Amino acid sequence: MIYIETQCRHLVQRLVKVLVFLLPFIAMSGCQTDDVEFEKNLQDDSNNSTEEITSTVTPEKTRIYGYSVVNSYPHDPRAFTQGLVYVEGDQLLEGTGLRGQSTLRRVELATGKVTQTVELSDSLFGEGITVFNGKVYQLTWQARKGFVYDLKTFTQLNEFSYPMEGWGLTNDNTYLIISDGTSTIRFWDPENFKESKRIQVHDQSGKSIQRINELEYVNGEIYANIWQTNRIARIDPSTGLVLGWFNLTGLLSKAEQRNADVLNGIAYDLQNNRLFVTGKLWPKLFQIRLNSEAKEN
């Protein structure tokens, strides 16, 4: 009997040691849920792009930044936001998508009221927009057709074509900067729409980052939504290297998420250093402040 009790004590001691050894790993796996989900989202096949998605993984040793909400504003929950630009007078220009619902619109920041609209043909799916030299440029998704409008009147001034899908659009005061849903970002001459250069977006390990969507040029960097994720990438426009990630999980409440689609839409107020974000069919638009402290992914 004494022998059996002694063996039982030894067995219990071994089990305790095993559990103590495993507990840190169990805790770590719980903390990595967002990163694993981010990797899974990037690796899923994209139905919106005709180009194959190749190797895409969570970036290694890339800093991840959080955020705080400075303010929130009403946003049209029927707007399938594809492009967003801040313009003077506390107004936003917004490009919306979906066939039969695509528009270019001017919106009051404080109220979310739409004050000016141009409707695209029902056959077109509107995409990214940008403002350059008093003109508004707008892409469409698969029609390979874009439009140029007068900034004040929205009168159409020009039409242009391109050889790939249109997704995100911004500019650096020299070039139009375009994404197509892959890892490629192109730089075009705004007058003749000829490509001047291109970069491939990649992480620290050299792996490509796919699904580059809405774009905004902010203080010498390209900020990019990654389709179907809650993250924004900070991209070096010279090399394509992802310098950091902004994790914007939690902007909408669970109730607000029910009828909302994905995060998409970045606008920057250069004069007042304000950053705005929203999403497709979101009921709110947010001014956010990005945290300076970051963790390594």
Protein backbone atom coordinates (compact mmCIF):
# COMPACT_ATOMS: atom_id res chain seq x y z
CA MET A 1 0.00 0.00 0.00
CA ILE A 2 2.86 2.34 0.87
CA TYR A 3 4.51 1.49 -2.46
CA ILE A 4 1.32 2.38 -4.39
CA GLU A 5 0.95 5.70 -2.53
CA THR A 6 4.57 6.55 -3.28
CA GLN A 7 4.14 5.83 -6.98
CA CYS A 8 0.97 7.95 -7.11
CA ARG A 9 2.78 10.90 -5.54
CA HIS A 10 5.57 10.57 -8.10
CA LEU A 11 3.03 10.47 -10.93
CA VAL A 12 1.24 13.61 -9.66
CA GLN A 13 4.55 15.44 -9.34
CA ARG A 14 5.42 14.57 -12.95
CA LEU A 15 2.02 15.81 -14.18
CA VAL A 16 2.44 19.11 -12.33
CA LYS A 17 5.87 19.63 -13.90
CA VAL A 18 4.43 18.97 -17.38
CA LEU A 19 1.59 21.46 -16.82
CA VAL A 20 3.98 24.12 -15.53
CA PHE A 21 6.10 23.62 -18.64
CA LEU A 22 3.12 23.89 -21.03
CA LEU A 23 1.31 26.86 -19.45
CA PRO A 24 3.45 29.61 -21.13
CA PHE A 25 2.88 28.07 -24.54
CA ILE A 26 -0.88 27.84 -23.97
CA ALA A 27 -0.96 31.52 -22.97
CA MET A 28 1.11 32.55 -25.98
CA SER A 29 -1.23 30.79 -28.39
CA GLY A 30 -4.16 32.76 -26.99
CA CYS A 31 -2.37 36.09 -27.46
CA GLN A 32 -1.62 35.44 -31.10
CA THR A 33 -5.21 35.08 -32.30
CA ASP A 34 -5.28 38.37 -34.19
CA ASP A 35 -1.98 37.69 -35.96
CA VAL A 36 -3.07 34.17 -36.96
CA GLU A 37 -6.40 35.50 -38.25
CA PHE A 38 -4.54 38.24 -40.15
CA GLU A 39 -2.32 35.63 -41.82
CA LYS A 40 -5.33 33.44 -42.65
CA ASN A 41 -7.17 36.38 -44.23
CA LEU A 42 -4.21 37.26 -46.40
CA GLN A 43 -3.79 33.66 -47.54
CA ASP A 44 -7.44 33.16 -48.55
CA ASP A 45 -8.11 33.35 -52.27
CA SER A 46 -9.34 36.77 -53.41
CA ASN A 47 -12.46 36.75 -55.59
CA ASN A 48 -11.90 40.40 -56.53
CA SER A 49 -8.63 39.91 -58.36
CA THR A 50 -7.94 38.04 -61.58
CA GLU A 51 -4.28 37.64 -60.60
CA GLU A 52 -3.24 34.66 -58.49
CA ILE A 53 -2.32 35.34 -54.88
CA THR A 54 1.06 33.75 -54.17
CA SER A 55 3.00 33.55 -50.91
CA THR A 56 1.57 35.84 -48.26
CA VAL A 57 2.38 35.51 -44.57
CA THR A 58 2.31 37.56 -41.43
CA PRO A 59 5.25 40.00 -41.56
CA GLU A 60 8.15 39.10 -39.29
CA LYS A 61 9.73 41.69 -36.99
CA THR A 62 7.45 44.42 -38.32
CA ARG A 63 6.11 46.85 -35.74
CA ILE A 64 2.38 46.80 -34.99
CA TYR A 65 0.80 50.04 -33.76
CA GLY A 66 -2.50 50.55 -31.96
CA TYR A 67 -4.81 53.56 -32.06
CA SER A 68 -7.08 55.79 -30.04
CA VAL A 69 -10.30 57.39 -31.29
CA VAL A 70 -10.20 61.19 -31.27
CA ASN A 71 -13.66 61.71 -32.73
CA SER A 72 -16.40 59.91 -34.62
CA TYR A 73 -18.77 61.25 -37.26
CA PRO A 74 -21.89 59.99 -39.05
CA HIS A 75 -21.25 58.03 -42.25
CA ASP A 76 -23.77 56.88 -44.84
CA PRO A 77 -24.32 53.16 -44.04
CA ARG A 78 -25.31 52.60 -47.68
CA ALA A 79 -21.98 53.89 -48.99
CA PHE A 80 -19.73 51.08 -50.21
CA THR A 81 -16.59 53.13 -49.61
CA GLN A 82 -13.78 52.57 -52.12
CA GLY A 83 -11.90 55.86 -51.91
CA LEU A 84 -11.68 58.72 -49.41
CA VAL A 85 -9.97 62.13 -49.56
CA TYR A 86 -10.03 65.11 -47.19
CA VAL A 87 -10.47 68.52 -48.84
CA GLU A 88 -10.51 72.03 -47.36
CA GLY A 89 -13.63 73.30 -45.65
CA ASP A 90 -13.92 70.20 -43.46
CA GLN A 91 -15.25 68.16 -46.34
CA LEU A 92 -14.52 64.71 -47.68
CA LEU A 93 -14.65 63.36 -51.19
CA GLU A 94 -15.76 59.75 -51.31
CA GLY A 95 -15.79 57.22 -54.12
CA THR A 96 -18.33 54.42 -53.68
CA GLY A 97 -18.69 51.07 -55.40
CA LEU A 98 -21.15 48.35 -56.42
CA ARG A 99 -22.70 48.28 -59.87
CA GLY A 100 -25.74 50.51 -60.05
CA GLN A 101 -24.69 52.35 -56.86
CA SER A 102 -21.25 53.74 -57.69
CA THR A 103 -20.71 57.46 -57.14
CA LEU A 104 -18.31 60.29 -56.60
CA ARG A 105 -19.62 62.42 -53.75
CA ARG A 106 -18.78 65.40 -51.57
CA VAL A 107 -19.62 64.94 -47.88
CA GLU A 108 -19.71 67.23 -44.87
CA LEU A 109 -17.34 65.83 -42.27
CA ALA A 110 -19.33 66.89 -39.19
CA THR A 111 -22.75 65.68 -40.36
CA GLY A 112 -22.05 63.03 -42.98
CA LYS A 113 -24.44 64.89 -45.29
CA VAL A 114 -23.87 64.33 -49.01
CA THR A 115 -23.83 67.74 -50.73
CA GLN A 116 -22.73 66.86 -54.27
CA THR A 117 -22.88 63.64 -56.30
CA VAL A 118 -21.95 62.20 -59.67
CA GLU A 119 -23.42 58.79 -60.47
CA LEU A 120 -21.41 56.35 -62.55
CA SER A 121 -22.96 54.18 -65.24
CA ASP A 122 -24.81 51.16 -63.85
CA SER A 123 -22.28 48.87 -65.54
CA LEU A 124 -19.35 50.36 -63.63
CA PHE A 125 -18.02 49.49 -60.19
CA GLY A 126 -16.39 52.60 -58.69
CA GLU A 127 -13.04 52.34 -56.91
CA GLY A 128 -10.30 54.60 -55.51
CA ILE A 129 -10.12 58.39 -55.86
CA THR A 130 -7.52 61.12 -55.38
CA VAL A 131 -7.26 64.91 -55.80
CA PHE A 132 -4.36 66.34 -57.82
CA ASN A 133 -3.92 69.86 -59.22
CA GLY A 134 -7.58 70.83 -58.87
CA LYS A 135 -8.84 67.60 -60.43
CA VAL A 136 -10.45 64.46 -59.04
CA TYR A 137 -9.29 61.13 -60.45
CA GLN A 138 -11.45 58.04 -60.05
CA LEU A 139 -10.80 54.39 -60.92
CA THR A 140 -13.24 51.60 -61.69
CA TRP A 141 -12.71 47.97 -60.81
CA GLN A 142 -12.83 45.62 -63.81
CA ALA A 143 -13.86 47.96 -66.63
CA ARG A 144 -10.24 49.23 -66.85
CA LYS A 145 -11.58 52.74 -67.18
CA GLY A 146 -10.99 55.87 -65.12
CA PHE A 147 -12.36 59.41 -65.03
CA VAL A 148 -11.06 62.92 -64.35
CA TYR A 149 -13.39 65.57 -62.90
CA ASP A 150 -13.18 69.23 -62.00
CA LEU A 151 -12.72 69.44 -58.23
CA LYS A 152 -15.36 72.12 -57.68
CA THR A 153 -18.07 71.27 -60.20
CA PHE A 154 -17.53 67.51 -60.69
CA THR A 155 -17.74 68.13 -64.43
CA GLN A 156 -16.06 65.26 -66.26
CA LEU A 157 -12.90 66.49 -68.00
CA ASN A 158 -11.30 63.31 -69.27
CA GLU A 159 -11.41 59.55 -69.42
CA PHE A 160 -8.48 57.12 -69.40
CA SER A 161 -7.83 53.38 -69.59
CA TYR A 162 -5.39 50.96 -67.98
CA PRO A 163 -4.44 47.30 -68.42
CA MET A 164 -5.35 45.86 -65.01
CA GLU A 165 -7.99 46.06 -62.29
CA GLY A 166 -8.37 49.37 -60.47
CA TRP A 167 -8.40 49.29 -56.66
CA GLY A 168 -6.75 52.08 -54.62
CA LEU A 169 -5.57 55.53 -55.73
CA THR A 170 -3.53 58.36 -54.17
CA ASN A 171 -0.72 60.73 -55.22
CA ASP A 172 2.57 62.14 -53.95
CA ASN A 173 2.25 65.53 -55.68
CA THR A 174 4.19 64.13 -58.63
CA TYR A 175 2.66 60.79 -59.59
CA LEU A 176 -0.69 59.06 -59.35
CA ILE A 177 -0.19 55.96 -57.19
CA ILE A 178 -2.37 52.95 -58.01
CA SER A 179 -3.03 49.50 -56.51
CA ASP A 180 -4.69 46.59 -58.31
CA GLY A 181 -5.42 44.10 -55.51
CA THR A 182 -2.07 42.34 -55.80
CA SER A 183 1.27 43.27 -54.22
CA THR A 184 2.05 45.73 -57.04
CA ILE A 185 1.79 49.51 -56.68
CA ARG A 186 2.25 51.58 -59.83
CA PHE A 187 3.27 55.22 -60.27
CA TRP A 188 1.69 57.05 -63.24
CA ASP A 189 2.20 60.38 -64.90
CA PRO A 190 -1.06 62.29 -64.15
CA GLU A 191 -1.13 63.89 -67.61
CA ASN A 192 -0.64 60.93 -69.95
CA PHE A 193 -1.22 58.05 -67.48
CA LYS A 194 2.00 56.33 -68.52
CA GLU A 195 3.69 54.18 -65.90
CA SER A 196 6.89 55.70 -64.53
CA LYS A 197 7.79 52.94 -62.05
CA ARG A 198 6.33 50.24 -59.85
CA ILE A 199 7.10 48.64 -56.50
CA GLN A 200 6.30 45.25 -54.99
CA VAL A 201 5.01 45.43 -51.43
CA HIS A 202 6.80 42.99 -49.13
CA ASP A 203 7.57 42.37 -45.48
CA GLN A 204 10.91 42.18 -43.69
CA SER A 205 11.46 38.59 -44.83
CA GLY A 206 10.83 39.46 -48.48
CA LYS A 207 7.40 37.80 -48.71
CA SER A 208 4.89 39.68 -50.84
CA ILE A 209 1.87 41.37 -49.27
CA GLN A 210 -1.22 40.90 -51.41
CA ARG A 211 -4.63 42.58 -51.55
CA ILE A 212 -3.32 46.13 -51.41
CA ASN A 213 -6.51 48.19 -51.53
CA GLU A 214 -7.35 51.83 -50.65
CA LEU A 215 -4.32 54.14 -50.51
CA GLU A 216 -3.37 57.43 -48.87
CA TYR A 217 -0.06 59.29 -49.06
CA VAL A 218 0.89 60.42 -45.54
CA ASN A 219 4.13 62.23 -44.66
CA GLY A 220 6.24 60.51 -47.29
CA GLU A 221 4.73 57.05 -46.81
CA ILE A 222 1.91 55.13 -48.46
CA TYR A 223 -0.82 53.96 -46.07
CA ALA A 224 -2.76 51.02 -47.49
CA ASN A 225 -5.83 49.07 -46.45
CA ILE A 226 -5.32 45.33 -46.86
CA TRP A 227 -8.59 43.91 -48.14
CA GLN A 228 -10.52 41.75 -45.66
CA THR A 229 -8.34 42.70 -42.68
CA ASN A 230 -8.47 45.34 -39.95
CA ARG A 231 -4.94 46.51 -40.66
CA ILE A 232 -3.32 49.37 -42.50
CA ALA A 233 0.21 48.97 -43.86
CA ARG A 234 2.86 51.73 -43.75
CA ILE A 235 4.75 51.29 -47.01
CA ASP A 236 8.05 52.79 -48.12
CA PRO A 237 7.24 54.23 -51.59
CA SER A 238 10.83 53.76 -52.75
CA THR A 239 11.27 50.08 -51.89
CA GLY A 240 7.81 48.64 -51.18
CA LEU A 241 8.92 47.53 -47.70
CA VAL A 242 6.20 47.44 -45.04
CA LEU A 243 7.54 49.66 -42.26
CA GLY A 244 4.75 48.92 -39.81
CA TRP A 245 1.14 47.85 -39.33
CA PHE A 246 -1.76 49.70 -37.73
CA ASN A 247 -4.17 47.29 -36.07
CA LEU A 248 -7.60 48.97 -36.15
CA THR A 249 -9.59 46.10 -34.68
CA GLY A 250 -12.51 47.23 -32.52
CA LEU A 251 -13.52 50.51 -34.16
CA LEU A 252 -17.13 49.37 -34.57
CA SER A 253 -19.22 47.84 -31.82
CA LYS A 254 -20.60 44.34 -32.35
CA ALA A 255 -24.02 45.82 -33.08
CA GLU A 256 -22.55 48.19 -35.67
CA GLN A 257 -20.66 45.35 -37.33
CA ARG A 258 -23.80 43.38 -38.21
CA ASN A 259 -24.57 45.24 -41.44
CA ALA A 260 -21.07 46.57 -42.09
CA ASP A 261 -18.48 45.30 -44.53
CA VAL A 262 -14.69 45.58 -44.29
CA LEU A 263 -12.45 48.45 -43.19
CA ASN A 264 -11.69 50.59 -46.26
CA GLY A 265 -11.08 54.30 -46.63
CA ILE A 266 -8.19 56.48 -45.42
CA ALA A 267 -8.06 60.28 -45.59
CA TYR A 268 -5.41 62.65 -44.25
CA ASP A 269 -5.77 66.32 -43.35
CA LEU A 270 -2.20 67.54 -43.86
CA GLN A 271 -2.73 71.05 -42.48
CA ASN A 272 -4.15 69.85 -39.15
CA ASN A 273 -2.44 66.45 -39.03
CA ARG A 274 -5.71 64.52 -38.77
CA LEU A 275 -6.20 60.95 -39.96
CA PHE A 276 -9.67 59.62 -40.84
CA VAL A 277 -10.77 56.05 -41.52
CA THR A 278 -14.03 54.29 -42.31
CA GLY A 279 -15.29 51.17 -44.08
CA LYS A 280 -17.72 49.82 -46.61
CA LEU A 281 -21.30 50.24 -45.36
CA TRP A 282 -20.03 51.59 -42.04
CA PRO A 283 -22.36 53.85 -40.02
CA LYS A 284 -19.42 55.89 -38.69
CA LEU A 285 -16.24 57.60 -39.82
CA PHE A 286 -13.45 57.97 -37.26
CA GLN A 287 -10.65 60.41 -36.62
CA ILE A 288 -7.93 58.34 -35.00
CA ARG A 289 -4.56 58.93 -33.40
CA LEU A 290 -1.97 56.22 -34.00
CA ASN A 291 -0.02 55.07 -30.97
CA SER A 292 3.70 55.77 -31.04
CA GLU A 293 4.47 52.69 -28.97
CA ALA A 294 4.54 49.45 -30.89
CA LYS A 295 5.26 45.78 -30.46
CA GLU A 296 7.16 43.56 -32.83
CA ASN A 297 5.06 41.11 -34.76
